[in-house]
Amino acid sequence: MVTAEAVLADANTDLALMVLTTAPDVPGLTKQLADGAEKERSGGKPTFYVMLPGRVAEPARRMLVERGLPYVDTLAEAVSVLRGWKDWSDYCEPEAAQRPTSRYSFTAPAPGTLGEAEAKALLAAAGLPVNRGVVVRSVDEAVAQSTEVGFPLVLKVVSPDIAHKSDVGGVALNIADTADLRARLTRMQARIAMAAPQARIDGFSLQAQEGGELELIVGARHDAQFGAQVIVGAGGVLVELFKDVAVCAGTGGRRQCPRRTRSAQGRAVAARVPGPWRASMRRRWSTPSCGSAGSRTTSRMRHPARTSKSRSTR
């Protein structure tokens, strides 16, 4: 009792993790820890119990339930719960939604999934730069339109039935001239006819090929229950490799979404980016905490090293 009370009274303690192993009197020891944790000197800090013994700990489990104290039966479950509590502790009240200051206007799209061309048109209307492109239906039309887009070109199949274009040979890069375009589009049509014979083909997208130092994936949708949602993550081939994206509320403001993108993979990608991009990414992933920015934080949690443990002896 005294140990639990003293540990929780420490200003450096946020949570007491009570790990109980086999002991002569598991119910009695559990009650002593719970009594100490509920003393006034403990400051009302949360306690969490890990009941490793099997049936011998059933009376202790019933006592914890009666007192409204949470417990799990394995350390793995405890770690999962603590991780969830940490995520909840980082919650920030979203800022009020603000429309961008630049002037733009567009017609809201119909419900459903937007194709690449439609999505890029929407982004362009909102003032976001996109690469030049046009959708063509045939080889001859592609050759005729290519000089307007400009070489080098990227060629992609446009189909509502093909989600992963490269899997069916539906992407071609570094197209240098009209002869190369004619040959590669002809081969692409043949490959797709073999790999996805039932797919509806709306055409082929010719795009100006752009280069850069960092690829990101950004997506958006309007969910019937949660409203506007935005996803951000490592792009290009890293999308499938890492499967690492952050989901942010579309009305979450400029602080909330960067906080969601502080994953180990995302930071690793940013650390390898050369030049000014690296500094830019570090600035974006080093957003001030909610408290320093003036927003309410529902809870706090210190470094796991400061979380105290009280463990029974075998």
Protein backbone atom coordinates (compact mmCIF):
# COMPACT_ATOMS: atom_id res chain seq x y z
CA MET A 1 0.00 0.00 0.00
CA VAL A 2 2.74 2.42 1.01
CA THR A 3 4.79 1.61 -2.13
CA ALA A 4 1.93 2.33 -4.53
CA GLU A 5 1.04 5.53 -2.71
CA ALA A 6 4.64 6.77 -2.72
CA VAL A 7 5.24 5.97 -6.37
CA LEU A 8 2.07 7.73 -7.53
CA ALA A 9 2.83 10.75 -5.35
CA ASP A 10 6.04 11.31 -7.34
CA ALA A 11 5.66 14.28 -9.71
CA ASN A 12 7.52 12.35 -12.41
CA THR A 13 4.92 9.56 -12.48
CA ASP A 14 1.92 9.70 -14.80
CA LEU A 15 0.72 6.11 -14.56
CA ALA A 16 1.32 3.06 -12.37
CA LEU A 17 1.48 -0.27 -14.17
CA MET A 18 0.82 -2.98 -11.59
CA VAL A 19 2.19 -6.30 -12.89
CA LEU A 20 1.15 -9.19 -10.66
CA THR A 21 2.79 -12.60 -11.01
CA THR A 22 2.33 -15.75 -8.95
CA ALA A 23 2.37 -14.85 -5.24
CA PRO A 24 1.15 -16.47 -2.00
CA ASP A 25 -1.79 -14.05 -1.73
CA VAL A 26 -2.61 -12.50 -5.10
CA PRO A 27 -6.01 -11.09 -3.99
CA GLY A 28 -4.51 -9.56 -0.87
CA LEU A 29 -1.55 -8.02 -2.68
CA THR A 30 -3.83 -6.65 -5.39
CA LYS A 31 -6.06 -5.06 -2.75
CA GLN A 32 -3.05 -3.44 -1.03
CA LEU A 33 -1.88 -1.91 -4.33
CA ALA A 34 -5.38 -0.68 -5.17
CA ASP A 35 -5.83 0.81 -1.68
CA GLY A 36 -2.52 2.66 -1.93
CA ALA A 37 -3.29 3.95 -5.41
CA GLU A 38 -6.60 5.40 -4.20
CA LYS A 39 -5.07 7.38 -1.34
CA GLU A 40 -5.43 11.15 -1.58
CA ARG A 41 -1.65 11.58 -1.71
CA SER A 42 -1.59 9.57 -4.98
CA GLY A 43 -3.26 12.45 -6.80
CA GLY A 44 -5.91 10.41 -8.60
CA LYS A 45 -3.43 9.21 -11.22
CA PRO A 46 -4.49 6.23 -13.35
CA THR A 47 -3.45 2.71 -12.45
CA PHE A 48 -3.49 -0.32 -14.70
CA TYR A 49 -3.22 -3.93 -13.57
CA VAL A 50 -1.70 -6.90 -15.41
CA MET A 51 -3.00 -10.12 -13.90
CA LEU A 52 -0.55 -12.77 -15.11
CA PRO A 53 -1.70 -15.62 -12.80
CA GLY A 54 -4.50 -17.80 -14.15
CA ARG A 55 -7.48 -18.95 -12.12
CA VAL A 56 -5.74 -18.18 -8.83
CA ALA A 57 -6.20 -14.48 -9.60
CA GLU A 58 -9.96 -14.70 -10.25
CA PRO A 59 -10.92 -13.22 -6.85
CA ALA A 60 -8.53 -10.32 -7.47
CA ARG A 61 -10.04 -9.73 -10.91
CA ARG A 62 -13.55 -9.62 -9.43
CA MET A 63 -12.36 -7.12 -6.83
CA LEU A 64 -10.87 -4.87 -9.54
CA VAL A 65 -14.12 -4.99 -11.53
CA GLU A 66 -16.14 -4.07 -8.44
CA ARG A 67 -13.87 -1.08 -7.81
CA GLY A 68 -13.91 0.02 -11.44
CA LEU A 69 -10.18 -0.55 -11.95
CA PRO A 70 -9.00 -1.73 -15.38
CA TYR A 71 -6.92 -4.88 -15.87
CA VAL A 72 -5.66 -7.18 -18.62
CA ASP A 73 -4.15 -10.65 -18.47
CA THR A 74 -0.98 -10.26 -20.57
CA LEU A 75 1.83 -7.75 -20.96
CA ALA A 76 1.16 -7.60 -24.71
CA GLU A 77 -2.38 -6.38 -24.03
CA ALA A 78 -1.03 -3.85 -21.52
CA VAL A 79 1.41 -2.41 -24.08
CA SER A 80 -1.38 -2.13 -26.65
CA VAL A 81 -3.61 -0.29 -24.16
CA LEU A 82 -0.80 2.07 -23.15
CA ARG A 83 -0.10 2.86 -26.79
CA GLY A 84 -3.76 3.69 -27.29
CA TRP A 85 -3.75 5.88 -24.17
CA LYS A 86 -0.68 7.71 -25.49
CA ASP A 87 -2.44 8.35 -28.82
CA TRP A 88 -5.51 9.61 -26.96
CA SER A 89 -3.28 11.85 -24.84
CA ASP A 90 -1.98 13.51 -28.00
CA TYR A 91 -5.48 14.48 -29.12
CA CYS A 92 -5.94 18.13 -30.08
CA GLU A 93 -9.18 19.96 -30.51
CA PRO A 94 -9.36 20.72 -34.24
CA GLU A 95 -9.18 24.29 -35.37
CA ALA A 96 -12.18 25.87 -37.00
CA ALA A 97 -12.28 25.08 -40.71
CA GLN A 98 -11.04 27.92 -42.89
CA ARG A 99 -11.45 28.27 -46.62
CA PRO A 100 -8.20 29.04 -48.48
CA THR A 101 -7.63 32.74 -49.05
CA SER A 102 -6.98 32.35 -52.79
CA ARG A 103 -10.02 32.90 -54.97
CA TYR A 104 -11.30 29.86 -56.77
CA SER A 105 -14.61 28.36 -57.79
CA PHE A 106 -15.67 24.99 -59.07
CA THR A 107 -18.71 22.79 -59.27
CA ALA A 108 -18.82 20.13 -56.57
CA PRO A 109 -18.26 16.69 -58.14
CA ALA A 110 -20.96 14.06 -58.16
CA PRO A 111 -20.82 11.39 -55.42
CA GLY A 112 -18.41 8.56 -56.17
CA THR A 113 -14.73 8.06 -56.93
CA LEU A 114 -12.95 10.66 -59.04
CA GLY A 115 -10.58 9.58 -61.78
CA GLU A 116 -7.09 11.05 -61.98
CA ALA A 117 -8.01 13.65 -64.60
CA GLU A 118 -11.08 14.80 -62.65
CA ALA A 119 -9.13 14.96 -59.38
CA LYS A 120 -6.36 17.01 -60.97
CA ALA A 121 -8.89 19.39 -62.50
CA LEU A 122 -10.36 19.89 -59.02
CA LEU A 123 -6.91 20.56 -57.55
CA ALA A 124 -6.07 23.00 -60.33
CA ALA A 125 -9.34 24.87 -59.70
CA ALA A 126 -8.31 25.19 -56.04
CA GLY A 127 -5.02 26.78 -57.03
CA LEU A 128 -2.75 23.75 -56.60
CA PRO A 129 -0.19 23.20 -59.37
CA VAL A 130 -0.57 20.00 -61.41
CA ASN A 131 1.40 18.71 -64.37
CA ARG A 132 0.08 19.13 -67.90
CA GLY A 133 -1.95 16.25 -69.27
CA VAL A 134 -4.64 15.11 -71.65
CA VAL A 135 -6.70 11.94 -72.08
CA VAL A 136 -6.65 10.34 -75.54
CA ARG A 137 -8.54 7.40 -77.03
CA SER A 138 -6.22 6.10 -79.73
CA VAL A 139 -2.60 5.92 -80.84
CA ASP A 140 -3.11 8.52 -83.56
CA GLU A 141 -4.78 10.94 -81.14
CA ALA A 142 -1.95 10.41 -78.66
CA VAL A 143 0.67 11.26 -81.27
CA ALA A 144 -1.28 14.35 -82.33
CA GLN A 145 -1.64 15.64 -78.74
CA SER A 146 1.86 14.75 -77.53
CA THR A 147 3.65 17.84 -78.81
CA GLU A 148 1.19 20.07 -76.96
CA VAL A 149 1.89 18.28 -73.66
CA GLY A 150 5.63 18.11 -74.29
CA PHE A 151 8.29 15.42 -73.99
CA PRO A 152 9.38 13.47 -72.00
CA LEU A 153 5.98 11.93 -71.38
CA VAL A 154 4.31 9.55 -68.97
CA LEU A 155 1.59 7.28 -70.34
CA LYS A 156 -1.08 5.69 -68.11
CA VAL A 157 -4.18 3.66 -68.82
CA VAL A 158 -7.47 5.22 -67.68
CA SER A 159 -9.94 2.60 -66.45
CA PRO A 160 -12.39 2.41 -63.54
CA ASP A 161 -11.63 -1.32 -63.35
CA ILE A 162 -7.84 -1.07 -62.99
CA ALA A 163 -6.68 0.19 -59.59
CA HIS A 164 -3.01 -0.82 -59.88
CA LYS A 165 -2.00 0.22 -63.37
CA SER A 166 1.57 -1.10 -63.25
CA ASP A 167 0.31 -4.62 -62.47
CA VAL A 168 -1.23 -4.88 -65.94
CA GLY A 169 1.48 -2.95 -67.81
CA GLY A 170 -0.58 0.23 -67.77
CA VAL A 171 2.24 2.71 -67.02
CA ALA A 172 5.10 3.84 -69.25
CA LEU A 173 7.77 6.40 -68.29
CA ASN A 174 10.44 8.44 -70.09
CA ILE A 175 8.72 8.47 -73.49
CA ALA A 176 11.12 10.49 -75.62
CA ASP A 177 9.37 11.22 -78.92
CA THR A 178 6.36 10.42 -81.11
CA ALA A 179 7.86 7.20 -82.50
CA ASP A 180 8.56 5.94 -78.98
CA LEU A 181 5.03 6.95 -77.93
CA ARG A 182 3.40 5.09 -80.83
CA ALA A 183 5.36 1.91 -80.14
CA ARG A 184 4.85 1.89 -76.38
CA LEU A 185 1.15 2.70 -76.49
CA THR A 186 0.61 -0.13 -78.99
CA ARG A 187 2.43 -2.55 -76.65
CA MET A 188 0.47 -1.25 -73.67
CA GLN A 189 -2.86 -1.88 -75.37
CA ALA A 190 -1.81 -5.45 -76.16
CA ARG A 191 -0.60 -6.17 -72.60
CA ILE A 192 -3.78 -4.82 -71.01
CA ALA A 193 -5.96 -6.82 -73.40
CA MET A 194 -4.21 -9.97 -72.14
CA ALA A 195 -3.92 -9.09 -68.44
CA ALA A 196 -7.36 -7.47 -67.93
CA PRO A 197 -9.60 -8.42 -70.86
CA GLN A 198 -12.81 -7.46 -69.02
CA ALA A 199 -11.63 -3.99 -67.97
CA ARG A 200 -13.37 -0.95 -69.37
CA ILE A 201 -10.83 1.33 -71.00
CA ASP A 202 -11.80 5.02 -71.03
CA GLY A 203 -8.58 6.07 -72.72
CA PHE A 204 -4.96 6.80 -71.97
CA SER A 205 -3.53 9.72 -70.04
CA LEU A 206 -0.59 11.60 -71.53
CA GLN A 207 1.23 13.63 -68.88
CA ALA A 208 4.30 15.79 -68.75
CA GLN A 209 6.91 13.86 -66.78
CA GLU A 210 7.99 15.66 -63.62
CA GLY A 211 10.93 14.91 -61.35
CA GLY A 212 11.56 15.67 -57.71
CA GLU A 213 13.24 14.58 -54.50
CA LEU A 214 10.23 13.39 -52.52
CA GLU A 215 7.01 11.54 -53.34
CA LEU A 216 3.94 11.73 -51.15
CA ILE A 217 0.49 10.25 -51.46
CA VAL A 218 -2.40 12.58 -50.61
CA GLY A 219 -6.00 11.48 -50.83
CA ALA A 220 -9.38 12.81 -49.78
CA ARG A 221 -12.90 11.55 -49.36
CA HIS A 222 -16.13 12.52 -47.67
CA ASP A 223 -17.22 9.82 -45.25
CA ALA A 224 -20.90 9.54 -44.39
CA GLN A 225 -20.15 9.22 -40.66
CA PHE A 226 -16.92 11.18 -40.14
CA GLY A 227 -17.14 13.88 -42.80
CA ALA A 228 -14.14 15.11 -44.77
CA GLN A 229 -11.06 12.91 -44.40
CA VAL A 230 -7.53 13.35 -45.77
CA ILE A 231 -4.78 10.72 -46.00
CA VAL A 232 -1.08 11.58 -46.22
CA GLY A 233 1.84 9.19 -46.49
CA ALA A 234 4.99 8.11 -48.28
CA GLY A 235 4.23 7.98 -52.01
CA GLY A 236 5.38 6.11 -55.10
CA VAL A 237 6.52 2.53 -54.53
CA LEU A 238 6.67 3.25 -50.78
CA VAL A 239 2.85 3.23 -50.61
CA GLU A 240 2.73 -0.56 -50.96
CA LEU A 241 6.10 -1.13 -49.27
CA PHE A 242 5.40 0.72 -46.02
CA LYS A 243 1.57 0.83 -46.06
CA ASP A 244 2.13 3.87 -43.86
CA VAL A 245 -0.47 6.61 -44.14
CA ALA A 246 -1.97 9.02 -41.66
CA VAL A 247 -5.70 9.72 -41.67
CA CYS A 248 -6.60 13.29 -40.71
CA ALA A 249 -9.87 15.10 -40.33
CA GLY A 250 -10.37 17.43 -43.29
CA THR A 251 -11.33 20.19 -40.87
CA GLY A 252 -8.45 19.47 -38.49
CA GLY A 253 -6.46 22.58 -39.30
CA ARG A 254 -2.80 23.05 -40.09
CA ARG A 255 -1.47 21.56 -36.83
CA GLN A 256 -3.42 18.35 -36.51
CA CYS A 257 -2.46 16.51 -39.70
CA PRO A 258 1.33 17.03 -39.38
CA ARG A 259 1.10 15.52 -35.89
CA ARG A 260 -0.48 12.41 -37.42
CA THR A 261 2.37 11.99 -39.92
CA ARG A 262 5.18 11.56 -37.39
CA SER A 263 5.56 7.83 -38.11
CA ALA A 264 8.91 6.08 -38.02
CA GLN A 265 8.72 5.36 -41.75
CA GLY A 266 7.76 8.92 -42.63
CA ARG A 267 10.59 10.35 -40.60
CA ALA A 268 13.01 7.87 -42.15
CA VAL A 269 12.00 8.97 -45.64
CA ALA A 270 12.33 12.63 -44.72
CA ALA A 271 15.76 12.05 -43.19
CA ARG A 272 17.04 10.71 -46.52
CA VAL A 273 15.76 13.62 -48.57
CA PRO A 274 18.62 15.89 -49.66
CA GLY A 275 18.84 19.66 -49.78
CA PRO A 276 16.10 22.14 -48.89
CA TRP A 277 13.38 19.47 -48.96
CA ARG A 278 14.84 17.92 -45.81
CA ALA A 279 14.63 21.14 -43.82
CA SER A 280 11.11 21.71 -45.11
CA MET A 281 9.95 18.24 -44.08
CA ARG A 282 11.57 18.56 -40.65
CA ARG A 283 9.80 21.85 -40.10
CA ARG A 284 6.48 20.30 -41.08
CA TRP A 285 7.02 17.27 -38.86
CA SER A 286 8.13 19.38 -35.91
CA THR A 287 4.81 21.10 -35.34
CA PRO A 288 4.44 22.59 -31.82
CA SER A 289 2.41 20.64 -29.32
CA CYS A 290 -1.23 21.49 -28.83
CA GLY A 291 -0.52 23.17 -25.51
CA SER A 292 2.14 25.51 -26.89
CA ALA A 293 -0.06 26.37 -29.83
CA GLY A 294 -2.91 27.40 -27.60
CA SER A 295 -5.24 24.42 -28.14
CA ARG A 296 -6.58 22.17 -25.41
CA THR A 297 -4.85 18.88 -24.74
CA THR A 298 -7.06 16.31 -23.02
CA SER A 299 -4.23 14.54 -21.22
CA ARG A 300 -0.47 14.23 -21.05
CA MET A 301 1.89 11.30 -20.97
CA ARG A 302 5.59 11.39 -20.26
CA HIS A 303 8.30 9.25 -21.78
CA PRO A 304 7.66 5.54 -21.06
CA ALA A 305 10.85 5.48 -18.93
CA ARG A 306 9.01 7.59 -16.38
CA THR A 307 6.10 5.19 -16.07
CA SER A 308 6.47 3.37 -12.78
CA LYS A 309 6.04 -0.33 -12.24
CA SER A 310 5.13 -2.18 -9.09
CA ARG A 311 5.81 -5.89 -9.44
CA SER A 312 5.08 -8.66 -7.00
CA THR A 313 7.74 -11.24 -6.17
CA ARG A 314 7.44 -14.86 -7.15
